[in-house]
C-alpha cells in the first residue's frame, strides 16, 4: 500500500481490517468473491441471498482486494452524507432477522471481532435487554441504546393521529360517560 493510502485509520484499525479480511477470504486468494462472502456470513449464522451478496460487493469499485476494501471504508467514513447514527443502524441491520437480533450470534461476534469484549462486558451489555425464550432481542431495543435520540424523534409524531378525535367533542363525552358507567358497575 502506498504512503497515505490509509489516511484516517490508526494502525490498530488497519490490523483489525486485515484480520477481518483474512477471515472473510475463505479460499485465501487475496480477493473476496461472492463465495467467500457467502461463507463468511454462513459462519456467523446469517444466510444471504444472491442479490444481497451482489449489493455488498457492488459497493467496492473493482475486485474486493484488501486495498479496495480500505478505500471503500475510507469513502464511507469520510462523511459522504453518512450520519454516524446511520452507520450504527446499518451495522445492527446486518444482524436483524424480522425485527429481532439473535443474542447468541451477536454475543459471539462481539467476542471475536474488532475490539473483543470479555464475557463479563457482554453480559453487562445484554443485561439491559429483554431477551425472549428464543434468545432474541428486539432490534429496536438494541438500537435505542446506541441511537436513543433517533428513536425519540420517531416517537414524537405519534400523538398526531389523536387530532381527529378532538375534532368531535361529542364522541369524547360519550366515551367518558361509558367509562364512568363501567367504573360504577365494577365498584358494585
N, C-alpha and C. Protein backbone atom coordinates (compact mmCIF):
# COMPACT_ATOMS: atom_id res chain seq x y z
N UNK A 1 0.84 -1.17 0.00
CA UNK A 1 0.00 0.00 0.00
C UNK A 1 0.88 1.23 0.00
N UNK A 2 0.47 2.20 -0.77
CA UNK A 2 1.23 3.43 -0.85
C UNK A 2 1.09 4.26 0.40
N UNK A 3 2.05 5.16 0.60
CA UNK A 3 2.03 6.03 1.76
C UNK A 3 0.79 6.93 1.69
N UNK A 4 0.11 7.09 2.81
CA UNK A 4 -1.05 7.95 2.86
C UNK A 4 -2.35 7.28 2.44
N UNK A 5 -2.26 6.07 1.94
CA UNK A 5 -3.46 5.39 1.47
C UNK A 5 -4.41 5.08 2.62
N UNK A 6 -3.88 4.89 3.80
CA UNK A 6 -4.71 4.53 4.94
C UNK A 6 -4.96 5.74 5.84
N UNK A 7 -4.89 6.92 5.24
CA UNK A 7 -5.12 8.14 5.98
C UNK A 7 -6.46 8.06 6.70
N UNK A 8 -6.47 8.44 7.97
CA UNK A 8 -7.70 8.43 8.73
C UNK A 8 -7.88 7.18 9.57
N UNK A 9 -7.11 6.14 9.34
CA UNK A 9 -7.21 4.92 10.12
C UNK A 9 -5.95 4.76 10.96
N UNK A 10 -6.13 4.31 12.20
CA UNK A 10 -4.98 4.04 13.05
C UNK A 10 -4.38 2.68 12.66
N UNK A 11 -3.18 2.42 13.14
CA UNK A 11 -2.52 1.14 12.87
C UNK A 11 -3.37 -0.01 13.42
N UNK A 12 -4.00 0.21 14.59
CA UNK A 12 -4.86 -0.82 15.18
C UNK A 12 -6.06 -1.11 14.29
N UNK A 13 -6.65 -0.05 13.72
CA UNK A 13 -7.80 -0.25 12.85
C UNK A 13 -7.40 -1.02 11.59
N UNK A 14 -6.25 -0.66 11.01
CA UNK A 14 -5.77 -1.36 9.81
C UNK A 14 -5.56 -2.84 10.13
N UNK A 15 -4.99 -3.14 11.29
CA UNK A 15 -4.79 -4.53 11.69
C UNK A 15 -6.12 -5.25 11.85
N UNK A 16 -7.10 -4.57 12.43
CA UNK A 16 -8.42 -5.16 12.59
C UNK A 16 -9.03 -5.47 11.22
N UNK A 17 -8.91 -4.52 10.28
CA UNK A 17 -9.44 -4.75 8.93
C UNK A 17 -8.70 -5.90 8.24
N UNK A 18 -7.39 -5.99 8.46
CA UNK A 18 -6.63 -7.10 7.87
C UNK A 18 -7.12 -8.43 8.42
N UNK A 19 -7.33 -8.47 9.75
CA UNK A 19 -7.82 -9.70 10.37
C UNK A 19 -9.18 -10.09 9.81
N UNK A 20 -10.07 -9.10 9.69
CA UNK A 20 -11.41 -9.37 9.13
C UNK A 20 -11.31 -9.86 7.70
N UNK A 21 -10.43 -9.22 6.92
CA UNK A 21 -10.28 -9.60 5.52
C UNK A 21 -9.79 -11.05 5.43
N UNK A 22 -8.81 -11.40 6.27
CA UNK A 22 -8.27 -12.77 6.26
C UNK A 22 -9.34 -13.79 6.61
N UNK A 23 -10.20 -13.44 7.57
CA UNK A 23 -11.27 -14.35 7.96
C UNK A 23 -12.26 -14.53 6.82
N UNK A 24 -12.58 -13.43 6.14
CA UNK A 24 -13.58 -13.47 5.07
C UNK A 24 -13.05 -14.08 3.78
N UNK A 25 -11.73 -13.99 3.56
CA UNK A 25 -11.13 -14.56 2.34
C UNK A 25 -10.93 -16.06 2.56
N UNK A 26 -12.01 -16.78 2.49
CA UNK A 26 -12.02 -18.20 2.84
C UNK A 26 -11.09 -19.02 1.95
N UNK A 27 -11.04 -18.73 0.65
CA UNK A 27 -10.17 -19.51 -0.23
C UNK A 27 -8.74 -18.95 -0.28
N UNK A 28 -8.47 -17.90 0.48
CA UNK A 28 -7.13 -17.31 0.66
C UNK A 28 -6.45 -16.92 -0.65
N UNK A 29 -7.24 -16.36 -1.60
CA UNK A 29 -6.65 -15.93 -2.86
C UNK A 29 -6.40 -14.42 -2.92
N UNK A 30 -6.62 -13.71 -1.80
CA UNK A 30 -6.36 -12.27 -1.76
C UNK A 30 -7.51 -11.42 -2.28
N UNK A 31 -8.59 -12.05 -2.66
CA UNK A 31 -9.78 -11.35 -3.15
C UNK A 31 -11.01 -12.00 -2.54
N UNK A 32 -11.92 -11.17 -2.04
CA UNK A 32 -13.17 -11.70 -1.51
C UNK A 32 -14.18 -11.71 -2.65
N UNK A 33 -14.61 -12.91 -3.02
CA UNK A 33 -15.63 -13.03 -4.07
C UNK A 33 -16.96 -13.41 -3.40
N UNK A 34 -17.97 -13.65 -4.19
CA UNK A 34 -19.30 -13.95 -3.66
C UNK A 34 -19.29 -15.20 -2.78
N UNK A 35 -18.53 -16.22 -3.19
CA UNK A 35 -18.48 -17.45 -2.39
C UNK A 35 -17.80 -17.21 -1.04
N UNK A 36 -16.73 -16.41 -1.04
CA UNK A 36 -16.07 -16.07 0.22
C UNK A 36 -17.04 -15.33 1.15
N UNK A 37 -17.73 -14.36 0.58
CA UNK A 37 -18.66 -13.55 1.35
C UNK A 37 -19.80 -14.40 1.90
N UNK A 38 -20.33 -15.27 1.06
CA UNK A 38 -21.41 -16.17 1.50
C UNK A 38 -20.90 -17.05 2.64
N UNK A 39 -19.72 -17.61 2.49
CA UNK A 39 -19.15 -18.47 3.54
C UNK A 39 -18.92 -17.72 4.84
N UNK A 40 -18.44 -16.48 4.74
CA UNK A 40 -18.19 -15.68 5.95
C UNK A 40 -19.50 -15.44 6.70
N UNK A 41 -20.55 -15.10 5.96
CA UNK A 41 -21.85 -14.89 6.61
C UNK A 41 -22.43 -16.19 7.13
N UNK A 42 -22.26 -17.27 6.38
CA UNK A 42 -22.73 -18.58 6.85
C UNK A 42 -22.07 -18.95 8.17
N UNK A 43 -20.78 -18.63 8.30
CA UNK A 43 -20.04 -18.96 9.52
C UNK A 43 -20.58 -18.28 10.76
N UNK A 44 -21.25 -17.13 10.58
CA UNK A 44 -21.83 -16.45 11.74
C UNK A 44 -23.34 -16.65 11.79
N UNK A 45 -23.85 -17.56 10.96
CA UNK A 45 -25.26 -17.92 11.01
C UNK A 45 -26.20 -17.00 10.26
N UNK A 46 -25.69 -16.20 9.31
CA UNK A 46 -26.53 -15.30 8.53
C UNK A 46 -26.56 -15.79 7.10
N UNK A 47 -27.75 -16.16 6.65
CA UNK A 47 -27.90 -16.62 5.27
C UNK A 47 -28.19 -15.42 4.38
N UNK A 48 -27.37 -15.24 3.35
CA UNK A 48 -27.51 -14.11 2.43
C UNK A 48 -27.96 -14.62 1.08
N UNK A 49 -28.89 -13.90 0.44
CA UNK A 49 -29.30 -14.31 -0.90
C UNK A 49 -28.37 -13.66 -1.93
N UNK A 50 -28.51 -14.06 -3.17
CA UNK A 50 -27.63 -13.60 -4.25
C UNK A 50 -27.63 -12.07 -4.38
N UNK A 51 -28.80 -11.46 -4.33
CA UNK A 51 -28.87 -10.01 -4.52
C UNK A 51 -28.22 -9.26 -3.37
N UNK A 52 -28.34 -9.78 -2.15
CA UNK A 52 -27.69 -9.14 -1.01
C UNK A 52 -26.16 -9.22 -1.15
N UNK A 53 -25.67 -10.37 -1.56
CA UNK A 53 -24.23 -10.53 -1.77
C UNK A 53 -23.74 -9.62 -2.88
N UNK A 54 -24.49 -9.57 -3.99
CA UNK A 54 -24.13 -8.69 -5.10
C UNK A 54 -24.11 -7.23 -4.66
N UNK A 55 -25.10 -6.86 -3.84
CA UNK A 55 -25.18 -5.50 -3.34
C UNK A 55 -23.97 -5.11 -2.51
N UNK A 56 -23.55 -6.02 -1.65
CA UNK A 56 -22.36 -5.75 -0.82
C UNK A 56 -21.11 -5.61 -1.68
N UNK A 57 -20.94 -6.53 -2.62
CA UNK A 57 -19.75 -6.49 -3.47
C UNK A 57 -19.76 -5.28 -4.42
N UNK A 58 -20.93 -4.81 -4.78
CA UNK A 58 -21.00 -3.67 -5.70
C UNK A 58 -20.56 -2.36 -5.04
N UNK A 59 -20.49 -2.34 -3.73
CA UNK A 59 -20.06 -1.13 -3.03
C UNK A 59 -18.55 -0.89 -3.18
N UNK A 60 -17.84 -1.91 -3.62
CA UNK A 60 -16.38 -1.79 -3.80
C UNK A 60 -16.11 -1.66 -5.29
N UNK A 61 -15.34 -0.63 -5.63
CA UNK A 61 -15.02 -0.46 -7.05
C UNK A 61 -13.90 -1.42 -7.42
N UNK A 62 -14.21 -2.30 -8.34
CA UNK A 62 -13.24 -3.31 -8.76
C UNK A 62 -13.32 -4.54 -7.90
N UNK A 63 -12.31 -5.41 -8.01
CA UNK A 63 -12.31 -6.64 -7.20
C UNK A 63 -12.16 -6.30 -5.72
N UNK A 64 -12.71 -7.12 -4.87
CA UNK A 64 -12.67 -6.86 -3.43
C UNK A 64 -11.34 -7.35 -2.85
N UNK A 65 -10.30 -6.56 -3.11
CA UNK A 65 -9.00 -6.81 -2.50
C UNK A 65 -8.94 -6.03 -1.19
N UNK A 66 -7.91 -6.27 -0.41
CA UNK A 66 -7.78 -5.55 0.85
C UNK A 66 -7.70 -4.04 0.58
N UNK A 67 -6.89 -3.63 -0.40
CA UNK A 67 -6.75 -2.21 -0.72
C UNK A 67 -8.08 -1.58 -1.12
N UNK A 68 -8.83 -2.25 -1.97
CA UNK A 68 -10.12 -1.71 -2.40
C UNK A 68 -11.13 -1.67 -1.25
N UNK A 69 -11.04 -2.65 -0.36
CA UNK A 69 -11.93 -2.65 0.79
C UNK A 69 -11.63 -1.44 1.68
N UNK A 70 -10.35 -1.16 1.90
CA UNK A 70 -9.95 0.00 2.71
C UNK A 70 -10.42 1.30 2.05
N UNK A 71 -10.26 1.40 0.72
CA UNK A 71 -10.73 2.60 0.01
C UNK A 71 -12.23 2.79 0.21
N UNK A 72 -12.97 1.70 0.14
CA UNK A 72 -14.42 1.78 0.33
C UNK A 72 -14.75 2.25 1.75
N UNK A 73 -14.05 1.69 2.76
CA UNK A 73 -14.29 2.11 4.14
C UNK A 73 -13.96 3.58 4.30
N UNK A 74 -12.84 4.02 3.69
CA UNK A 74 -12.46 5.42 3.80
C UNK A 74 -13.52 6.33 3.20
N UNK A 75 -14.05 5.97 2.05
CA UNK A 75 -15.06 6.82 1.43
C UNK A 75 -16.34 6.82 2.25
N UNK A 76 -16.70 5.68 2.82
CA UNK A 76 -17.92 5.62 3.64
C UNK A 76 -17.75 6.41 4.93
N UNK A 77 -16.55 6.39 5.48
CA UNK A 77 -16.33 7.06 6.75
C UNK A 77 -15.91 8.52 6.57
N UNK A 78 -15.70 8.94 5.34
CA UNK A 78 -15.27 10.31 5.08
C UNK A 78 -16.41 11.30 5.28
N UNK A 79 -17.58 10.82 5.55
CA UNK A 79 -18.69 11.70 5.83
C UNK A 79 -19.59 11.93 4.65
N UNK A 80 -19.42 11.25 3.55
CA UNK A 80 -20.22 11.47 2.35
C UNK A 80 -21.72 11.43 2.66
N UNK A 81 -22.14 12.26 3.61
CA UNK A 81 -23.54 12.33 3.95
C UNK A 81 -23.97 11.29 4.97
N UNK A 82 -23.06 10.42 5.39
CA UNK A 82 -23.42 9.39 6.35
C UNK A 82 -23.40 9.95 7.76
N UNK A 83 -24.51 9.86 8.42
CA UNK A 83 -24.63 10.24 9.80
C UNK A 83 -24.09 9.07 10.63
N UNK A 84 -23.29 9.35 11.69
CA UNK A 84 -22.77 8.25 12.49
C UNK A 84 -23.89 7.33 13.00
N UNK A 85 -25.05 7.89 13.33
CA UNK A 85 -26.16 7.06 13.76
C UNK A 85 -26.61 6.13 12.64
N UNK A 86 -26.61 6.64 11.41
CA UNK A 86 -27.00 5.80 10.28
C UNK A 86 -26.04 4.63 10.11
N UNK A 87 -24.75 4.87 10.36
CA UNK A 87 -23.77 3.79 10.25
C UNK A 87 -24.01 2.73 11.33
N UNK A 88 -24.35 3.19 12.52
CA UNK A 88 -24.64 2.24 13.61
C UNK A 88 -25.87 1.42 13.26
N UNK A 89 -26.90 2.08 12.75
CA UNK A 89 -28.13 1.39 12.37
C UNK A 89 -27.84 0.35 11.29
N UNK A 90 -27.03 0.73 10.29
CA UNK A 90 -26.69 -0.21 9.22
C UNK A 90 -25.94 -1.41 9.77
N UNK A 91 -25.04 -1.19 10.72
CA UNK A 91 -24.28 -2.29 11.31
C UNK A 91 -25.21 -3.27 12.02
N UNK A 92 -26.16 -2.76 12.79
CA UNK A 92 -27.07 -3.64 13.50
C UNK A 92 -28.04 -4.33 12.56
N UNK A 93 -28.38 -3.69 11.44
CA UNK A 93 -29.30 -4.30 10.47
C UNK A 93 -28.70 -5.59 9.89
N UNK A 94 -27.37 -5.69 9.90
CA UNK A 94 -26.73 -6.92 9.41
C UNK A 94 -27.11 -8.12 10.28
N UNK A 95 -27.50 -7.87 11.53
CA UNK A 95 -27.88 -8.94 12.44
C UNK A 95 -29.39 -9.06 12.59
N UNK A 96 -30.14 -8.17 11.93
CA UNK A 96 -31.59 -8.13 12.07
C UNK A 96 -32.26 -9.29 11.34
N UNK A 97 -33.13 -9.99 12.06
CA UNK A 97 -33.93 -11.06 11.49
C UNK A 97 -35.38 -10.76 11.89
N UNK A 98 -36.14 -10.23 10.94
CA UNK A 98 -37.56 -9.92 11.17
C UNK A 98 -37.77 -9.05 12.41
N UNK A 99 -36.93 -8.03 12.57
CA UNK A 99 -37.10 -7.10 13.68
C UNK A 99 -36.47 -7.54 14.99
N UNK A 100 -35.72 -8.66 14.94
CA UNK A 100 -35.06 -9.15 16.15
C UNK A 100 -33.62 -9.52 15.85
N UNK A 101 -32.81 -9.58 16.90
CA UNK A 101 -31.40 -9.95 16.78
C UNK A 101 -31.17 -11.21 17.61
N UNK A 102 -30.48 -12.18 17.01
CA UNK A 102 -30.13 -13.42 17.69
C UNK A 102 -29.02 -13.09 18.69
N UNK A 103 -29.34 -13.17 19.97
CA UNK A 103 -28.42 -12.78 21.03
C UNK A 103 -27.14 -13.61 21.01
N UNK A 104 -27.27 -14.92 20.86
CA UNK A 104 -26.10 -15.80 20.88
C UNK A 104 -25.14 -15.46 19.74
N UNK A 105 -25.69 -15.25 18.54
CA UNK A 105 -24.86 -14.92 17.39
C UNK A 105 -24.17 -13.56 17.59
N UNK A 106 -24.91 -12.59 18.10
CA UNK A 106 -24.36 -11.26 18.30
C UNK A 106 -23.29 -11.28 19.40
N UNK A 107 -23.53 -12.01 20.47
CA UNK A 107 -22.53 -12.13 21.54
C UNK A 107 -21.25 -12.77 21.01
N UNK A 108 -21.41 -13.77 20.16
CA UNK A 108 -20.25 -14.43 19.56
C UNK A 108 -19.44 -13.42 18.74
N UNK A 109 -20.12 -12.62 17.93
CA UNK A 109 -19.44 -11.62 17.10
C UNK A 109 -18.70 -10.61 17.98
N UNK A 110 -19.32 -10.18 19.06
CA UNK A 110 -18.68 -9.20 19.95
C UNK A 110 -17.44 -9.77 20.63
N UNK A 111 -17.40 -11.07 20.81
CA UNK A 111 -16.26 -11.68 21.48
C UNK A 111 -15.10 -12.03 20.55
N UNK A 112 -15.33 -12.03 19.23
CA UNK A 112 -14.23 -12.43 18.33
C UNK A 112 -13.78 -11.36 17.35
N UNK A 113 -14.59 -10.33 17.09
CA UNK A 113 -14.23 -9.33 16.08
C UNK A 113 -13.99 -7.96 16.69
N UNK A 114 -13.14 -7.19 16.02
CA UNK A 114 -12.90 -5.80 16.43
C UNK A 114 -12.30 -5.72 17.81
N UNK A 115 -12.80 -4.77 18.59
CA UNK A 115 -12.37 -4.64 19.98
C UNK A 115 -13.11 -5.71 20.76
N UNK A 116 -12.46 -6.86 20.89
CA UNK A 116 -13.10 -8.03 21.50
C UNK A 116 -13.57 -7.71 22.92
N UNK A 117 -14.78 -8.10 23.21
CA UNK A 117 -15.34 -7.87 24.54
C UNK A 117 -15.23 -9.13 25.37
N UNK A 118 -15.00 -8.94 26.67
CA UNK A 118 -14.93 -10.08 27.58
C UNK A 118 -16.34 -10.59 27.85
N UNK A 119 -16.41 -11.79 28.41
CA UNK A 119 -17.71 -12.38 28.74
C UNK A 119 -18.47 -11.48 29.72
N UNK A 120 -17.75 -10.92 30.69
CA UNK A 120 -18.39 -10.04 31.68
C UNK A 120 -18.93 -8.77 31.03
N UNK A 121 -18.17 -8.19 30.10
CA UNK A 121 -18.63 -6.99 29.39
C UNK A 121 -19.88 -7.30 28.57
N UNK A 122 -19.87 -8.42 27.90
CA UNK A 122 -21.03 -8.82 27.07
C UNK A 122 -22.25 -9.04 27.95
N UNK A 123 -22.07 -9.74 29.08
CA UNK A 123 -23.19 -9.97 29.98
C UNK A 123 -23.73 -8.66 30.53
N UNK A 124 -22.84 -7.71 30.81
CA UNK A 124 -23.26 -6.40 31.30
C UNK A 124 -24.12 -5.67 30.26
N UNK A 125 -23.68 -5.69 29.01
CA UNK A 125 -24.44 -5.04 27.94
C UNK A 125 -25.79 -5.71 27.77
N UNK A 126 -25.83 -7.02 27.72
CA UNK A 126 -27.07 -7.73 27.43
C UNK A 126 -28.01 -7.80 28.62
N UNK A 127 -27.53 -7.43 29.82
CA UNK A 127 -28.44 -7.37 30.97
C UNK A 127 -29.43 -6.21 30.81
N UNK A 128 -29.13 -5.29 29.90
CA UNK A 128 -30.00 -4.14 29.63
C UNK A 128 -31.21 -4.51 28.78
N UNK A 129 -31.19 -5.68 28.15
CA UNK A 129 -32.22 -6.04 27.17
C UNK A 129 -33.19 -7.09 27.68
N UNK A 130 -34.38 -7.06 27.11
CA UNK A 130 -35.40 -8.06 27.39
C UNK A 130 -35.25 -9.17 26.35
N UNK A 131 -34.61 -10.26 26.75
CA UNK A 131 -34.31 -11.38 25.84
C UNK A 131 -35.43 -12.40 25.96
N UNK A 132 -36.01 -12.80 24.81
CA UNK A 132 -37.13 -13.75 24.85
C UNK A 132 -36.62 -15.19 24.97
N UNK A 133 -37.57 -16.13 25.00
CA UNK A 133 -37.23 -17.54 25.21
C UNK A 133 -36.43 -18.15 24.07
N UNK A 134 -36.44 -17.50 22.90
CA UNK A 134 -35.67 -17.98 21.75
C UNK A 134 -34.30 -17.29 21.66
N UNK A 135 -33.90 -16.61 22.72
CA UNK A 135 -32.64 -15.86 22.76
C UNK A 135 -32.59 -14.79 21.68
N UNK A 136 -33.72 -14.09 21.53
CA UNK A 136 -33.81 -13.00 20.57
C UNK A 136 -34.14 -11.72 21.33
N UNK A 137 -33.65 -10.60 20.82
CA UNK A 137 -33.95 -9.30 21.40
C UNK A 137 -34.42 -8.39 20.26
N UNK A 138 -35.34 -7.50 20.55
CA UNK A 138 -35.86 -6.61 19.52
C UNK A 138 -34.75 -5.69 19.02
N UNK A 139 -34.60 -5.61 17.71
CA UNK A 139 -33.58 -4.75 17.12
C UNK A 139 -33.79 -3.31 17.57
N UNK A 140 -35.04 -2.88 17.63
CA UNK A 140 -35.36 -1.52 18.04
C UNK A 140 -34.83 -1.23 19.45
N UNK A 141 -34.88 -2.24 20.33
CA UNK A 141 -34.40 -2.09 21.70
C UNK A 141 -32.89 -1.89 21.72
N UNK A 142 -32.17 -2.67 20.91
CA UNK A 142 -30.71 -2.55 20.83
C UNK A 142 -30.34 -1.19 20.25
N UNK A 143 -30.99 -0.82 19.16
CA UNK A 143 -30.71 0.47 18.53
C UNK A 143 -31.00 1.62 19.49
N UNK A 144 -32.05 1.48 20.30
CA UNK A 144 -32.41 2.52 21.26
C UNK A 144 -31.30 2.81 22.24
N UNK A 145 -30.49 1.81 22.56
CA UNK A 145 -29.37 2.01 23.47
C UNK A 145 -28.26 2.84 22.82
N UNK A 146 -28.08 2.65 21.51
CA UNK A 146 -26.99 3.31 20.82
C UNK A 146 -27.39 4.59 20.11
N UNK A 147 -28.62 4.68 19.66
CA UNK A 147 -29.08 5.87 18.94
C UNK A 147 -30.40 6.34 19.54
N UNK A 148 -30.39 6.58 20.84
CA UNK A 148 -31.61 6.94 21.55
C UNK A 148 -32.26 8.19 20.98
N UNK A 149 -31.47 9.14 20.54
CA UNK A 149 -32.02 10.37 20.00
C UNK A 149 -32.89 10.08 18.78
N UNK A 150 -32.43 9.22 17.90
CA UNK A 150 -33.20 8.86 16.70
C UNK A 150 -34.52 8.22 17.10
N UNK A 151 -34.50 7.33 18.08
CA UNK A 151 -35.71 6.65 18.50
C UNK A 151 -36.71 7.64 19.08
N UNK A 152 -36.23 8.62 19.89
CA UNK A 152 -37.12 9.61 20.47
C UNK A 152 -37.76 10.46 19.39
N UNK A 153 -36.98 10.82 18.37
CA UNK A 153 -37.52 11.63 17.29
C UNK A 153 -38.65 10.90 16.57
N UNK A 154 -38.55 9.61 16.44
CA UNK A 154 -39.58 8.83 15.76
C UNK A 154 -40.86 8.77 16.59
N UNK A 155 -40.74 8.84 17.92
CA UNK A 155 -41.90 8.72 18.79
C UNK A 155 -42.70 10.01 18.84
N UNK A 156 -42.10 11.16 18.59
CA UNK A 156 -42.79 12.43 18.69
C UNK A 156 -44.00 12.54 17.78
N UNK A 157 -43.94 12.10 16.53
CA UNK A 157 -45.11 12.26 15.65
C UNK A 157 -46.33 11.43 16.03
N UNK A 158 -46.21 10.46 16.91
CA UNK A 158 -47.31 9.56 17.24
C UNK A 158 -48.57 10.26 17.75
N UNK A 159 -48.50 11.33 18.57
CA UNK A 159 -49.73 11.95 19.06
C UNK A 159 -50.61 12.56 17.97
N UNK A 160 -50.09 12.81 16.79
CA UNK A 160 -50.85 13.43 15.72
C UNK A 160 -52.14 12.69 15.38
N UNK A 161 -52.21 11.37 15.32
CA UNK A 161 -53.47 10.71 14.97
C UNK A 161 -54.61 11.03 15.94
N UNK A 162 -54.31 11.49 17.15
CA UNK A 162 -55.34 11.81 18.11
C UNK A 162 -56.09 13.08 17.72
N UNK A 163 -55.54 13.92 16.86
CA UNK A 163 -56.15 15.19 16.49
C UNK A 163 -57.56 15.02 15.93
N UNK A 164 -57.85 14.06 15.04
CA UNK A 164 -59.21 13.92 14.53
C UNK A 164 -60.22 13.59 15.64
N UNK A 165 -59.82 12.87 16.67
CA UNK A 165 -60.73 12.54 17.76
C UNK A 165 -61.14 13.80 18.51
N UNK A 166 -60.24 14.77 18.64
CA UNK A 166 -60.54 16.02 19.32
C UNK A 166 -61.51 16.87 18.51
N UNK A 167 -61.57 16.65 17.22
CA UNK A 167 -62.44 17.44 16.36
C UNK A 167 -63.91 17.21 16.68
N UNK A 168 -64.25 16.08 17.26
CA UNK A 168 -65.64 15.78 17.58
C UNK A 168 -65.79 15.60 19.09
N UNK A 169 -66.07 16.69 19.84
CA UNK A 169 -66.14 16.62 21.31
C UNK A 169 -67.30 15.75 21.81
N UNK A 170 -68.37 15.59 21.01
CA UNK A 170 -69.50 14.77 21.43
C UNK A 170 -69.08 13.31 21.64
N UNK A 171 -68.22 12.82 20.73
CA UNK A 171 -67.75 11.44 20.85
C UNK A 171 -66.94 11.26 22.12
N UNK A 172 -66.09 12.26 22.45
CA UNK A 172 -65.27 12.16 23.65
C UNK A 172 -66.14 12.12 24.89
N UNK A 173 -67.21 12.96 24.94
CA UNK A 173 -68.12 12.96 26.08
C UNK A 173 -68.77 11.60 26.23
N UNK A 174 -69.20 11.04 25.10
CA UNK A 174 -69.83 9.72 25.13
C UNK A 174 -68.89 8.66 25.67
N UNK A 175 -67.62 8.70 25.22
CA UNK A 175 -66.62 7.75 25.71
C UNK A 175 -66.39 7.93 27.20
N UNK A 176 -66.33 9.18 27.65
CA UNK A 176 -66.10 9.45 29.07
C UNK A 176 -67.25 8.92 29.91
N UNK A 177 -68.49 9.09 29.43
CA UNK A 177 -69.67 8.60 30.15
C UNK A 177 -69.66 7.08 30.22
N UNK A 178 -69.27 6.43 29.12
CA UNK A 178 -69.21 4.97 29.10
C UNK A 178 -68.21 4.46 30.13
N UNK A 179 -67.03 5.15 30.22
CA UNK A 179 -66.00 4.75 31.17
C UNK A 179 -66.50 4.88 32.60
N UNK A 180 -67.24 5.98 32.87
CA UNK A 180 -67.77 6.18 34.22
C UNK A 180 -68.77 5.08 34.57
N UNK A 181 -69.63 4.70 33.61
CA UNK A 181 -70.60 3.64 33.84
C UNK A 181 -69.90 2.33 34.15
N UNK A 182 -68.82 2.04 33.39
CA UNK A 182 -68.06 0.81 33.62
C UNK A 182 -67.45 0.79 35.01
N UNK A 183 -66.92 1.96 35.44
CA UNK A 183 -66.32 2.04 36.77
C UNK A 183 -67.37 1.81 37.86
N UNK A 184 -68.58 2.40 37.66
CA UNK A 184 -69.65 2.22 38.64
C UNK A 184 -70.05 0.75 38.73
N UNK A 185 -70.17 0.09 37.56
CA UNK A 185 -70.55 -1.32 37.54
C UNK A 185 -69.48 -2.17 38.23
N UNK A 186 -68.20 -1.83 38.00
CA UNK A 186 -67.11 -2.58 38.60
C UNK A 186 -67.08 -2.39 40.11
N UNK A 187 -67.47 -1.20 40.59
CA UNK A 187 -67.47 -0.92 42.02
C UNK A 187 -68.56 -1.69 42.74
N UNK A 188 -69.69 -2.00 42.06
CA UNK A 188 -70.82 -2.73 42.69
C UNK A 188 -70.46 -4.14 42.84
